[in-house]
Amino acid sequence: MDIILASCSERRKYICSKIFNEFKSINSNTTEISLKNKNPNQAIRISLANAQKKSESIALITPNHSLIIGCDTVIVSKKAILGKPSDMDEAVEMLSDLSGTTHEAITYVSIIETCNFEIIQKLYFYDLTKITFRFLPQSAITNYVSIFKPTDKAGAYGIQEVPKEFIKEISGSFWNVMGFPVEKFFSLADKSWNKYFKEPYYDFNIIDRR
């Protein structure tokens, strides 16, 4: 069986490299539902829809026996769903809004096992992590944005690269914030997939700040 990650995200590819013996990464090239001006209460629904679009688009072009993994992560503040910032100024604005507050990272996962274009099984699930930022000096925000240029990251930050001084508390899975809820995946994965997992297993309890 081929393991296919329907994403070219470096963060998700890194996580999958720790889970699977082998996998492929294919960009789904789907048009995601826009997060602009969306009610925070719609976050889970939108994340599910985007994850499904990614996995289903790859399933349509994959005849082999395959396990196709689509993921979508959204950052949700009390006021809005935060997608990827359009430019550096918006990235600074997003981080300024998150300063001194608690927000949520939601990752929905859509997994489809197919063979000869027929669906064998589907698995949908999501995880939610709460992140509390300390009050961040404007200089620290602008410095982070100028160095890491986080316009490709929901909420304008990557949990694996953000300075540890930014974080006051993480309640839930660190890996979920990074883009793939590993712990929940292992708890729900079909037993027939186990032979494709790496042994010995990577210790996902380690907070890996590469």
N, C-alpha and C. Protein backbone atom coordinates (compact mmCIF):
# COMPACT_ATOMS: atom_id res chain seq x y z
N MET A 1 0.84 -1.20 0.00
CA MET A 1 0.00 0.00 0.00
C MET A 1 0.87 1.25 0.00
N ASP A 2 0.52 2.22 -0.83
CA ASP A 2 1.21 3.49 -0.87
C ASP A 2 0.63 4.43 0.20
N ILE A 3 1.50 5.09 0.93
CA ILE A 3 1.07 6.13 1.87
C ILE A 3 1.27 7.46 1.17
N ILE A 4 0.21 8.25 1.04
CA ILE A 4 0.28 9.51 0.33
C ILE A 4 -0.19 10.65 1.23
N LEU A 5 0.67 11.60 1.47
CA LEU A 5 0.31 12.82 2.18
C LEU A 5 -0.13 13.84 1.14
N ALA A 6 -1.39 14.27 1.22
CA ALA A 6 -1.94 15.22 0.25
C ALA A 6 -1.55 16.64 0.65
N SER A 7 -0.25 16.87 0.68
CA SER A 7 0.27 18.16 1.12
C SER A 7 1.77 18.21 0.83
N CYS A 8 2.27 19.43 0.62
CA CYS A 8 3.71 19.62 0.50
C CYS A 8 4.24 20.41 1.70
N SER A 9 3.46 20.47 2.76
CA SER A 9 3.88 21.16 3.98
C SER A 9 5.12 20.49 4.55
N GLU A 10 6.18 21.27 4.76
CA GLU A 10 7.40 20.72 5.33
C GLU A 10 7.16 20.18 6.73
N ARG A 11 6.28 20.81 7.47
CA ARG A 11 6.01 20.38 8.84
C ARG A 11 5.30 19.02 8.85
N ARG A 12 4.31 18.86 7.98
CA ARG A 12 3.60 17.58 7.93
C ARG A 12 4.48 16.48 7.34
N LYS A 13 5.32 16.83 6.37
CA LYS A 13 6.25 15.83 5.82
C LYS A 13 7.22 15.37 6.90
N TYR A 14 7.66 16.28 7.74
CA TYR A 14 8.57 15.90 8.82
C TYR A 14 7.88 14.92 9.78
N ILE A 15 6.65 15.22 10.16
CA ILE A 15 5.92 14.34 11.08
C ILE A 15 5.71 12.97 10.45
N CYS A 16 5.29 12.95 9.18
CA CYS A 16 5.06 11.66 8.51
C CYS A 16 6.35 10.85 8.38
N SER A 17 7.48 11.54 8.24
CA SER A 17 8.76 10.82 8.15
C SER A 17 9.09 10.10 9.45
N LYS A 18 8.49 10.54 10.57
CA LYS A 18 8.70 9.90 11.86
C LYS A 18 7.68 8.78 12.11
N ILE A 19 6.60 8.77 11.34
CA ILE A 19 5.54 7.77 11.54
C ILE A 19 5.71 6.58 10.60
N PHE A 20 5.92 6.86 9.31
CA PHE A 20 5.85 5.82 8.28
C PHE A 20 7.23 5.41 7.77
N ASN A 21 7.34 4.15 7.38
CA ASN A 21 8.58 3.67 6.75
C ASN A 21 8.83 4.41 5.44
N GLU A 22 7.78 4.56 4.65
CA GLU A 22 7.87 5.27 3.38
C GLU A 22 6.54 6.01 3.14
N PHE A 23 6.63 7.14 2.47
CA PHE A 23 5.42 7.85 2.07
C PHE A 23 5.77 8.79 0.92
N LYS A 24 4.72 9.19 0.19
CA LYS A 24 4.86 10.18 -0.88
C LYS A 24 4.14 11.46 -0.45
N SER A 25 4.61 12.56 -0.99
CA SER A 25 3.97 13.85 -0.74
C SER A 25 3.51 14.42 -2.08
N ILE A 26 2.20 14.66 -2.20
CA ILE A 26 1.64 15.20 -3.44
C ILE A 26 0.77 16.40 -3.09
N ASN A 27 1.04 17.52 -3.73
CA ASN A 27 0.23 18.71 -3.51
C ASN A 27 -1.15 18.51 -4.12
N SER A 28 -2.20 18.72 -3.33
CA SER A 28 -3.56 18.47 -3.81
C SER A 28 -4.03 19.53 -4.80
N ASN A 29 -3.46 20.74 -4.74
CA ASN A 29 -3.84 21.82 -5.66
C ASN A 29 -5.33 22.14 -5.64
N THR A 30 -5.98 21.91 -4.52
CA THR A 30 -7.40 22.25 -4.41
C THR A 30 -7.55 23.70 -3.96
N THR A 31 -8.70 24.26 -4.25
CA THR A 31 -9.02 25.61 -3.79
C THR A 31 -9.70 25.49 -2.43
N GLU A 32 -9.02 25.94 -1.39
CA GLU A 32 -9.56 25.81 -0.04
C GLU A 32 -10.62 26.87 0.23
N ILE A 33 -11.50 26.55 1.14
CA ILE A 33 -12.51 27.52 1.57
C ILE A 33 -11.80 28.68 2.26
N SER A 34 -12.11 29.88 1.85
CA SER A 34 -11.48 31.06 2.43
C SER A 34 -11.89 31.21 3.89
N LEU A 35 -10.92 31.65 4.71
CA LEU A 35 -11.19 31.85 6.13
C LEU A 35 -11.51 33.30 6.45
N LYS A 36 -11.40 34.16 5.46
CA LYS A 36 -11.61 35.58 5.69
C LYS A 36 -13.04 35.85 6.18
N ASN A 37 -13.12 36.62 7.25
CA ASN A 37 -14.41 37.09 7.78
C ASN A 37 -15.36 35.96 8.16
N LYS A 38 -14.81 34.82 8.52
CA LYS A 38 -15.63 33.69 8.93
C LYS A 38 -15.80 33.68 10.45
N ASN A 39 -16.99 33.30 10.89
CA ASN A 39 -17.30 33.19 12.32
C ASN A 39 -16.44 32.08 12.94
N PRO A 40 -15.83 32.33 14.11
CA PRO A 40 -15.03 31.29 14.76
C PRO A 40 -15.78 29.98 14.98
N ASN A 41 -17.09 30.06 15.13
CA ASN A 41 -17.88 28.84 15.33
C ASN A 41 -17.90 27.94 14.10
N GLN A 42 -17.46 28.44 12.96
CA GLN A 42 -17.43 27.66 11.73
C GLN A 42 -16.09 26.96 11.51
N ALA A 43 -15.17 27.13 12.45
CA ALA A 43 -13.80 26.65 12.24
C ALA A 43 -13.72 25.15 11.99
N ILE A 44 -14.40 24.36 12.80
CA ILE A 44 -14.33 22.91 12.66
C ILE A 44 -14.92 22.47 11.33
N ARG A 45 -16.04 23.05 10.95
CA ARG A 45 -16.69 22.68 9.69
C ARG A 45 -15.79 23.02 8.50
N ILE A 46 -15.17 24.19 8.52
CA ILE A 46 -14.32 24.60 7.42
C ILE A 46 -13.06 23.73 7.34
N SER A 47 -12.48 23.43 8.49
CA SER A 47 -11.28 22.60 8.53
C SER A 47 -11.57 21.20 7.97
N LEU A 48 -12.71 20.64 8.34
CA LEU A 48 -13.12 19.33 7.81
C LEU A 48 -13.27 19.39 6.30
N ALA A 49 -13.97 20.40 5.82
CA ALA A 49 -14.22 20.51 4.38
C ALA A 49 -12.91 20.63 3.60
N ASN A 50 -11.97 21.41 4.09
CA ASN A 50 -10.69 21.58 3.40
C ASN A 50 -9.87 20.29 3.43
N ALA A 51 -9.88 19.60 4.57
CA ALA A 51 -9.14 18.33 4.67
C ALA A 51 -9.72 17.29 3.70
N GLN A 52 -11.04 17.23 3.62
CA GLN A 52 -11.70 16.29 2.70
C GLN A 52 -11.35 16.61 1.25
N LYS A 53 -11.36 17.88 0.91
CA LYS A 53 -11.05 18.28 -0.47
C LYS A 53 -9.65 17.82 -0.86
N LYS A 54 -8.72 17.92 0.08
CA LYS A 54 -7.33 17.54 -0.21
C LYS A 54 -7.21 16.03 -0.44
N SER A 55 -7.76 15.23 0.47
CA SER A 55 -7.63 13.78 0.33
C SER A 55 -8.43 13.25 -0.86
N GLU A 56 -9.62 13.79 -1.08
CA GLU A 56 -10.47 13.30 -2.17
C GLU A 56 -9.89 13.65 -3.54
N SER A 57 -9.23 14.81 -3.65
CA SER A 57 -8.65 15.19 -4.94
C SER A 57 -7.53 14.23 -5.34
N ILE A 58 -6.76 13.75 -4.37
CA ILE A 58 -5.70 12.79 -4.67
C ILE A 58 -6.28 11.40 -4.93
N ALA A 59 -7.34 11.05 -4.22
CA ALA A 59 -7.98 9.75 -4.42
C ALA A 59 -8.49 9.60 -5.86
N LEU A 60 -8.91 10.70 -6.46
CA LEU A 60 -9.46 10.66 -7.81
C LEU A 60 -8.41 10.34 -8.88
N ILE A 61 -7.13 10.53 -8.55
CA ILE A 61 -6.06 10.31 -9.54
C ILE A 61 -5.11 9.18 -9.13
N THR A 62 -5.51 8.41 -8.12
CA THR A 62 -4.62 7.36 -7.59
C THR A 62 -5.27 5.99 -7.71
N PRO A 63 -4.87 5.19 -8.70
CA PRO A 63 -5.49 3.87 -8.87
C PRO A 63 -4.95 2.80 -7.92
N ASN A 64 -3.72 2.96 -7.44
CA ASN A 64 -3.10 1.93 -6.61
C ASN A 64 -3.76 1.83 -5.25
N HIS A 65 -3.48 0.72 -4.56
CA HIS A 65 -3.91 0.59 -3.18
C HIS A 65 -3.17 1.64 -2.36
N SER A 66 -3.90 2.60 -1.82
CA SER A 66 -3.26 3.76 -1.20
C SER A 66 -3.99 4.19 0.06
N LEU A 67 -3.22 4.79 0.95
CA LEU A 67 -3.76 5.46 2.13
C LEU A 67 -3.45 6.94 1.95
N ILE A 68 -4.48 7.73 1.76
CA ILE A 68 -4.32 9.14 1.40
C ILE A 68 -4.71 10.00 2.59
N ILE A 69 -3.80 10.88 3.00
CA ILE A 69 -3.98 11.67 4.21
C ILE A 69 -4.09 13.15 3.85
N GLY A 70 -5.24 13.73 4.15
CA GLY A 70 -5.44 15.17 3.96
C GLY A 70 -5.62 15.83 5.32
N CYS A 71 -4.97 16.97 5.51
CA CYS A 71 -5.03 17.68 6.79
C CYS A 71 -5.30 19.16 6.56
N ASP A 72 -5.95 19.78 7.52
CA ASP A 72 -6.12 21.22 7.47
C ASP A 72 -6.10 21.76 8.89
N THR A 73 -5.25 22.77 9.11
CA THR A 73 -5.11 23.38 10.43
C THR A 73 -5.58 24.82 10.39
N VAL A 74 -6.39 25.19 11.38
CA VAL A 74 -6.82 26.58 11.52
C VAL A 74 -6.49 27.06 12.92
N ILE A 75 -6.19 28.34 13.01
CA ILE A 75 -5.97 28.99 14.30
C ILE A 75 -7.18 29.86 14.58
N VAL A 76 -7.72 29.73 15.77
CA VAL A 76 -8.97 30.41 16.11
C VAL A 76 -8.77 31.27 17.35
N SER A 77 -8.95 32.58 17.19
CA SER A 77 -8.95 33.48 18.34
C SER A 77 -10.39 33.68 18.80
N LYS A 78 -10.57 34.48 19.81
CA LYS A 78 -11.93 34.74 20.29
C LYS A 78 -12.73 35.53 19.26
N LYS A 79 -12.01 36.25 18.40
CA LYS A 79 -12.70 37.14 17.46
C LYS A 79 -12.83 36.57 16.05
N ALA A 80 -11.91 35.69 15.65
CA ALA A 80 -11.89 35.30 14.24
C ALA A 80 -11.14 34.00 14.02
N ILE A 81 -11.34 33.42 12.83
CA ILE A 81 -10.51 32.33 12.34
C ILE A 81 -9.32 32.97 11.63
N LEU A 82 -8.13 32.56 11.99
CA LEU A 82 -6.93 33.15 11.41
C LEU A 82 -6.32 32.19 10.40
N GLY A 83 -6.33 32.60 9.15
CA GLY A 83 -5.69 31.81 8.12
C GLY A 83 -4.24 32.23 7.97
N LYS A 84 -3.70 32.07 6.78
CA LYS A 84 -2.34 32.49 6.50
C LYS A 84 -2.34 33.99 6.19
N PRO A 85 -1.45 34.74 6.79
CA PRO A 85 -1.42 36.19 6.52
C PRO A 85 -1.03 36.47 5.07
N SER A 86 -1.61 37.52 4.52
CA SER A 86 -1.35 37.86 3.11
C SER A 86 -0.01 38.54 2.92
N ASP A 87 0.50 39.16 3.99
CA ASP A 87 1.80 39.84 3.90
C ASP A 87 2.38 39.98 5.31
N MET A 88 3.55 40.59 5.39
CA MET A 88 4.25 40.73 6.68
C MET A 88 3.47 41.60 7.65
N ASP A 89 2.84 42.64 7.14
CA ASP A 89 2.08 43.54 8.02
C ASP A 89 0.91 42.80 8.68
N GLU A 90 0.25 41.96 7.89
CA GLU A 90 -0.86 41.19 8.46
C GLU A 90 -0.35 40.15 9.46
N ALA A 91 0.84 39.61 9.21
CA ALA A 91 1.43 38.67 10.15
C ALA A 91 1.69 39.35 11.49
N VAL A 92 2.23 40.55 11.46
CA VAL A 92 2.45 41.32 12.70
C VAL A 92 1.13 41.60 13.39
N GLU A 93 0.12 41.95 12.61
CA GLU A 93 -1.20 42.24 13.17
C GLU A 93 -1.80 41.02 13.86
N MET A 94 -1.68 39.85 13.22
CA MET A 94 -2.22 38.62 13.81
C MET A 94 -1.54 38.30 15.14
N LEU A 95 -0.22 38.35 15.15
CA LEU A 95 0.51 38.02 16.38
C LEU A 95 0.24 39.05 17.48
N SER A 96 0.03 40.29 17.10
CA SER A 96 -0.31 41.32 18.08
C SER A 96 -1.67 41.02 18.70
N ASP A 97 -2.60 40.52 17.89
CA ASP A 97 -3.93 40.17 18.41
C ASP A 97 -3.87 38.94 19.33
N LEU A 98 -2.93 38.02 19.05
CA LEU A 98 -2.80 36.81 19.87
C LEU A 98 -2.02 37.07 21.16
N SER A 99 -1.29 38.16 21.22
CA SER A 99 -0.46 38.48 22.39
C SER A 99 -1.31 38.56 23.66
N GLY A 100 -0.88 37.83 24.68
CA GLY A 100 -1.55 37.87 25.98
C GLY A 100 -2.90 37.19 26.02
N THR A 101 -3.20 36.35 25.05
CA THR A 101 -4.50 35.69 24.99
C THR A 101 -4.33 34.18 24.79
N THR A 102 -5.45 33.46 24.95
CA THR A 102 -5.49 32.03 24.66
C THR A 102 -6.25 31.83 23.36
N HIS A 103 -5.65 31.06 22.45
CA HIS A 103 -6.32 30.75 21.19
C HIS A 103 -6.30 29.23 20.98
N GLU A 104 -6.95 28.78 19.92
CA GLU A 104 -7.06 27.35 19.64
C GLU A 104 -6.45 27.00 18.30
N ALA A 105 -5.81 25.86 18.24
CA ALA A 105 -5.37 25.26 16.97
C ALA A 105 -6.21 24.01 16.74
N ILE A 106 -6.88 23.98 15.59
CA ILE A 106 -7.73 22.84 15.24
C ILE A 106 -7.18 22.22 13.96
N THR A 107 -6.87 20.94 14.01
CA THR A 107 -6.46 20.22 12.81
C THR A 107 -7.45 19.11 12.53
N TYR A 108 -8.05 19.14 11.35
CA TYR A 108 -8.93 18.06 10.90
C TYR A 108 -8.12 17.16 9.97
N VAL A 109 -8.32 15.87 10.10
CA VAL A 109 -7.63 14.89 9.27
C VAL A 109 -8.66 14.05 8.53
N SER A 110 -8.47 13.92 7.22
CA SER A 110 -9.33 13.10 6.38
C SER A 110 -8.46 12.03 5.73
N ILE A 111 -8.69 10.77 6.10
CA ILE A 111 -7.90 9.65 5.57
C ILE A 111 -8.80 8.74 4.74
N ILE A 112 -8.36 8.46 3.53
CA ILE A 112 -9.12 7.58 2.63
C ILE A 112 -8.22 6.43 2.19
N GLU A 113 -8.66 5.21 2.40
CA GLU A 113 -7.96 4.05 1.86
C GLU A 113 -8.69 3.61 0.60
N THR A 114 -7.96 3.58 -0.52
CA THR A 114 -8.58 3.25 -1.79
C THR A 114 -7.79 2.17 -2.53
N CYS A 115 -8.47 1.53 -3.49
CA CYS A 115 -7.81 0.58 -4.39
C CYS A 115 -8.63 0.54 -5.68
N ASN A 116 -7.96 0.75 -6.81
CA ASN A 116 -8.64 0.78 -8.11
C ASN A 116 -9.79 1.78 -8.11
N PHE A 117 -9.54 2.92 -7.49
CA PHE A 117 -10.49 4.03 -7.40
C PHE A 117 -11.73 3.70 -6.56
N GLU A 118 -11.70 2.59 -5.86
CA GLU A 118 -12.80 2.25 -4.97
C GLU A 118 -12.37 2.51 -3.53
N ILE A 119 -13.29 3.09 -2.74
CA ILE A 119 -12.99 3.42 -1.35
C ILE A 119 -13.15 2.19 -0.48
N ILE A 120 -12.08 1.84 0.25
CA ILE A 120 -12.12 0.71 1.17
C ILE A 120 -12.62 1.18 2.53
N GLN A 121 -12.09 2.29 2.99
CA GLN A 121 -12.56 2.85 4.25
C GLN A 121 -12.15 4.32 4.35
N LYS A 122 -12.86 5.05 5.24
CA LYS A 122 -12.57 6.45 5.50
C LYS A 122 -12.41 6.64 7.01
N LEU A 123 -11.58 7.60 7.36
CA LEU A 123 -11.41 7.97 8.76
C LEU A 123 -11.31 9.48 8.85
N TYR A 124 -12.24 10.09 9.57
CA TYR A 124 -12.22 11.54 9.79
C TYR A 124 -12.10 11.79 11.29
N PHE A 125 -11.24 12.72 11.66
CA PHE A 125 -11.15 13.11 13.06
C PHE A 125 -10.45 14.46 13.16
N TYR A 126 -10.62 15.10 14.31
CA TYR A 126 -9.90 16.35 14.54
C TYR A 126 -9.41 16.40 15.98
N ASP A 127 -8.47 17.28 16.21
CA ASP A 127 -7.97 17.51 17.56
C ASP A 127 -7.90 19.02 17.78
N LEU A 128 -7.99 19.41 19.04
CA LEU A 128 -7.99 20.82 19.41
C LEU A 128 -6.98 21.04 20.53
N THR A 129 -6.11 22.00 20.31
CA THR A 129 -5.10 22.37 21.30
C THR A 129 -5.27 23.84 21.66
N LYS A 130 -5.15 24.15 22.94
CA LYS A 130 -5.22 25.54 23.38
C LYS A 130 -3.82 26.06 23.67
N ILE A 131 -3.53 27.23 23.13
CA ILE A 131 -2.21 27.84 23.30
C ILE A 131 -2.38 29.22 23.93
N THR A 132 -1.65 29.47 24.99
CA THR A 132 -1.68 30.79 25.63
C THR A 132 -0.36 31.49 25.38
N PHE A 133 -0.44 32.66 24.76
CA PHE A 133 0.75 33.49 24.53
C PHE A 133 0.95 34.45 25.70
N ARG A 134 2.18 34.71 26.03
CA ARG A 134 2.48 35.79 26.96
C ARG A 134 2.24 37.13 26.25
N PHE A 135 2.26 38.22 27.01
CA PHE A 135 2.21 39.53 26.36
C PHE A 135 3.52 39.74 25.61
N LEU A 136 3.41 39.96 24.31
CA LEU A 136 4.59 40.00 23.45
C LEU A 136 4.96 41.44 23.11
N PRO A 137 6.19 41.85 23.39
CA PRO A 137 6.64 43.18 22.97
C PRO A 137 6.57 43.30 21.45
N GLN A 138 6.23 44.47 20.96
CA GLN A 138 6.13 44.67 19.51
C GLN A 138 7.45 44.37 18.83
N SER A 139 8.55 44.67 19.49
CA SER A 139 9.87 44.41 18.90
C SER A 139 10.10 42.91 18.70
N ALA A 140 9.61 42.09 19.64
CA ALA A 140 9.77 40.64 19.52
C ALA A 140 8.93 40.10 18.36
N ILE A 141 7.74 40.66 18.19
CA ILE A 141 6.87 40.23 17.09
C ILE A 141 7.49 40.57 15.74
N THR A 142 7.91 41.81 15.58
CA THR A 142 8.48 42.23 14.30
C THR A 142 9.78 41.48 13.99
N ASN A 143 10.54 41.18 15.03
CA ASN A 143 11.78 40.43 14.83
C ASN A 143 11.48 39.01 14.35
N TYR A 144 10.51 38.36 14.98
CA TYR A 144 10.13 37.01 14.57
C TYR A 144 9.64 37.01 13.12
N VAL A 145 8.76 37.94 12.78
CA VAL A 145 8.19 38.00 11.43
C VAL A 145 9.28 38.26 10.39
N SER A 146 10.21 39.15 10.70
CA SER A 146 11.26 39.47 9.73
C SER A 146 12.20 38.30 9.50
N ILE A 147 12.43 37.48 10.52
CA ILE A 147 13.34 36.34 10.39
C ILE A 147 12.66 35.15 9.72
N PHE A 148 11.47 34.80 10.19
CA PHE A 148 10.84 33.55 9.75
C PHE A 148 9.82 33.74 8.62
N LYS A 149 9.38 34.99 8.39
CA LYS A 149 8.46 35.28 7.28
C LYS A 149 7.30 34.27 7.23
N PRO A 150 6.46 34.26 8.27
CA PRO A 150 5.46 33.20 8.43
C PRO A 150 4.17 33.40 7.63
N THR A 151 4.29 33.84 6.38
CA THR A 151 3.09 34.04 5.57
C THR A 151 2.50 32.72 5.06
N ASP A 152 3.21 31.62 5.28
CA ASP A 152 2.69 30.31 4.86
C ASP A 152 2.10 29.53 6.02
N LYS A 153 1.90 30.21 7.16
CA LYS A 153 1.44 29.51 8.36
C LYS A 153 0.17 30.16 8.91
N ALA A 154 -0.83 29.32 9.20
CA ALA A 154 -2.05 29.82 9.81
C ALA A 154 -1.73 30.49 11.15
N GLY A 155 -2.30 31.67 11.36
CA GLY A 155 -2.05 32.39 12.60
C GLY A 155 -0.72 33.12 12.63
N ALA A 156 0.05 33.02 11.54
CA ALA A 156 1.32 33.75 11.38
C ALA A 156 2.43 33.25 12.30
N TYR A 157 2.37 31.97 12.69
CA TYR A 157 3.50 31.42 13.44
C TYR A 157 3.56 29.91 13.29
N GLY A 158 4.77 29.38 13.46
CA GLY A 158 4.98 27.94 13.50
C GLY A 158 5.38 27.55 14.90
N ILE A 159 4.66 26.62 15.50
CA ILE A 159 4.90 26.27 16.90
C ILE A 159 6.30 25.70 17.10
N GLN A 160 6.87 25.09 16.06
CA GLN A 160 8.19 24.47 16.18
C GLN A 160 9.32 25.49 16.09
N GLU A 161 9.01 26.71 15.66
CA GLU A 161 10.07 27.71 15.48
C GLU A 161 9.87 28.96 16.31
N VAL A 162 8.64 29.15 16.83
CA VAL A 162 8.37 30.37 17.59
C VAL A 162 9.22 30.38 18.85
N PRO A 163 9.77 31.53 19.25
CA PRO A 163 10.58 31.56 20.48
C PRO A 163 9.81 31.02 21.68
N LYS A 164 10.48 30.19 22.48
CA LYS A 164 9.78 29.58 23.61
C LYS A 164 9.27 30.62 24.59
N GLU A 165 9.85 31.83 24.56
CA GLU A 165 9.40 32.90 25.44
C GLU A 165 8.00 33.40 25.06
N PHE A 166 7.55 33.10 23.83
CA PHE A 166 6.21 33.50 23.40
C PHE A 166 5.14 32.69 24.13
N ILE A 167 5.46 31.44 24.46
CA ILE A 167 4.46 30.49 24.94
C ILE A 167 4.39 30.48 26.46
N LYS A 168 3.20 30.72 26.97
CA LYS A 168 2.96 30.59 28.40
C LYS A 168 2.49 29.19 28.74
N GLU A 169 1.60 28.64 27.90
CA GLU A 169 1.06 27.31 28.18
C GLU A 169 0.51 26.69 26.90
N ILE A 170 0.69 25.37 26.77
CA ILE A 170 0.05 24.59 25.71
C ILE A 170 -0.77 23.50 26.38
N SER A 171 -2.05 23.48 26.09
CA SER A 171 -2.95 22.47 26.65
C SER A 171 -3.42 21.57 25.50
N GLY A 172 -2.83 20.39 25.42
CA GLY A 172 -3.16 19.48 24.33
C GLY A 172 -1.91 19.11 23.55
N SER A 173 -2.10 18.62 22.34
CA SER A 173 -1.01 18.09 21.53
C SER A 173 -0.20 19.19 20.85
N PHE A 174 1.10 19.19 21.10
CA PHE A 174 2.03 20.06 20.40
C PHE A 174 2.00 19.75 18.90
N TRP A 175 1.94 18.47 18.54
CA TRP A 175 2.01 18.05 17.15
C TRP A 175 0.75 18.44 16.38
N ASN A 176 -0.36 18.55 17.09
CA ASN A 176 -1.59 19.03 16.47
C ASN A 176 -1.42 20.46 15.99
N VAL A 177 -0.75 21.29 16.80
CA VAL A 177 -0.50 22.68 16.41
C VAL A 177 0.44 22.72 15.21
N MET A 178 1.37 21.79 15.16
CA MET A 178 2.35 21.72 14.07
C MET A 178 1.69 21.26 12.77
N GLY A 179 0.52 20.60 12.88
CA GLY A 179 -0.21 20.28 11.66
C GLY A 179 -0.72 18.87 11.52
N PHE A 180 -0.43 17.99 12.52
CA PHE A 180 -0.92 16.61 12.44
C PHE A 180 -1.06 16.05 13.85
N PRO A 181 -2.29 15.73 14.29
CA PRO A 181 -2.50 15.24 15.65
C PRO A 181 -2.07 13.78 15.80
N VAL A 182 -0.80 13.58 16.04
CA VAL A 182 -0.19 12.25 16.02
C VAL A 182 -0.83 11.31 17.04
N GLU A 183 -0.99 11.80 18.26
CA GLU A 183 -1.50 10.94 19.34
C GLU A 183 -2.89 10.40 19.00
N LYS A 184 -3.74 11.27 18.47
CA LYS A 184 -5.09 10.83 18.13
C LYS A 184 -5.08 9.90 16.92
N PHE A 185 -4.17 10.15 15.99
CA PHE A 185 -4.04 9.27 14.83
C PHE A 185 -3.71 7.85 15.27
N PHE A 186 -2.73 7.70 16.15
CA PHE A 186 -2.35 6.37 16.60
C PHE A 186 -3.49 5.68 17.36
N SER A 187 -4.29 6.46 18.08
CA SER A 187 -5.38 5.86 18.85
C SER A 187 -6.52 5.38 17.96
N LEU A 188 -6.64 5.96 16.75
CA LEU A 188 -7.77 5.64 15.86
C LEU A 188 -7.37 4.82 14.63
N ALA A 189 -6.07 4.71 14.36
CA ALA A 189 -5.60 4.05 13.14
C ALA A 189 -6.04 2.59 13.08
N ASP A 190 -6.40 2.15 11.90
CA ASP A 190 -6.76 0.75 11.67
C ASP A 190 -5.53 -0.13 11.94
N LYS A 191 -5.74 -1.27 12.56
CA LYS A 191 -4.61 -2.15 12.90
C LYS A 191 -3.87 -2.64 11.67
N SER A 192 -4.55 -2.70 10.54
CA SER A 192 -3.89 -3.18 9.31
C SER A 192 -2.82 -2.20 8.83
N TRP A 193 -2.84 -0.97 9.33
CA TRP A 193 -1.84 0.03 8.92
C TRP A 193 -0.55 -0.09 9.73
N ASN A 194 -0.60 -0.85 10.82
CA ASN A 194 0.55 -0.89 11.74
C ASN A 194 1.85 -1.30 11.06
N LYS A 195 1.76 -2.18 10.07
CA LYS A 195 2.98 -2.68 9.44
C LYS A 195 3.70 -1.61 8.62
N TYR A 196 3.04 -0.49 8.40
CA TYR A 196 3.67 0.61 7.66
C TYR A 196 4.31 1.64 8.58
N PHE A 197 4.13 1.44 9.90
CA PHE A 197 4.71 2.37 10.87
C PHE A 197 6.16 2.01 11.14
N LYS A 198 6.95 3.00 11.44
CA LYS A 198 8.36 2.79 11.77
C LYS A 198 8.50 2.09 13.11
N GLU A 199 9.52 1.27 13.21
CA GLU A 199 9.91 0.67 14.49
C GLU A 199 11.41 0.86 14.67
N PRO A 200 11.90 1.25 15.81
CA PRO A 200 11.08 1.65 16.96
C PRO A 200 10.38 2.98 16.69
N TYR A 201 9.26 3.17 17.36
CA TYR A 201 8.49 4.37 17.15
C TYR A 201 9.23 5.60 17.66
N TYR A 202 9.08 6.69 16.93
CA TYR A 202 9.63 7.96 17.37
C TYR A 202 8.91 8.40 18.64
N ASP A 203 9.64 8.98 19.57
CA ASP A 203 9.04 9.43 20.83
C ASP A 203 8.40 10.79 20.62
N PHE A 204 7.09 10.78 20.38
CA PHE A 204 6.38 12.03 20.12
C PHE A 204 6.11 12.82 21.40
N ASN A 205 6.53 12.30 22.53
CA ASN A 205 6.44 13.08 23.76
C ASN A 205 7.55 14.14 23.83
N ILE A 206 8.54 13.98 22.96
CA ILE A 206 9.62 14.96 22.91
C ILE A 206 9.13 16.19 22.15
N ILE A 207 9.35 17.36 22.72
CA ILE A 207 9.01 18.59 22.00
C ILE A 207 10.20 18.91 21.10
N ASP A 208 9.98 18.73 19.82
CA ASP A 208 11.06 18.82 18.85
C ASP A 208 11.07 20.21 18.22
N ARG A 209 11.97 21.06 18.67
CA ARG A 209 12.11 22.40 18.08
C ARG A 209 13.36 22.39 17.20
N ARG A 210 13.17 22.02 15.93
CA ARG A 210 14.32 21.90 15.03
C ARG A 210 14.84 23.28 14.67
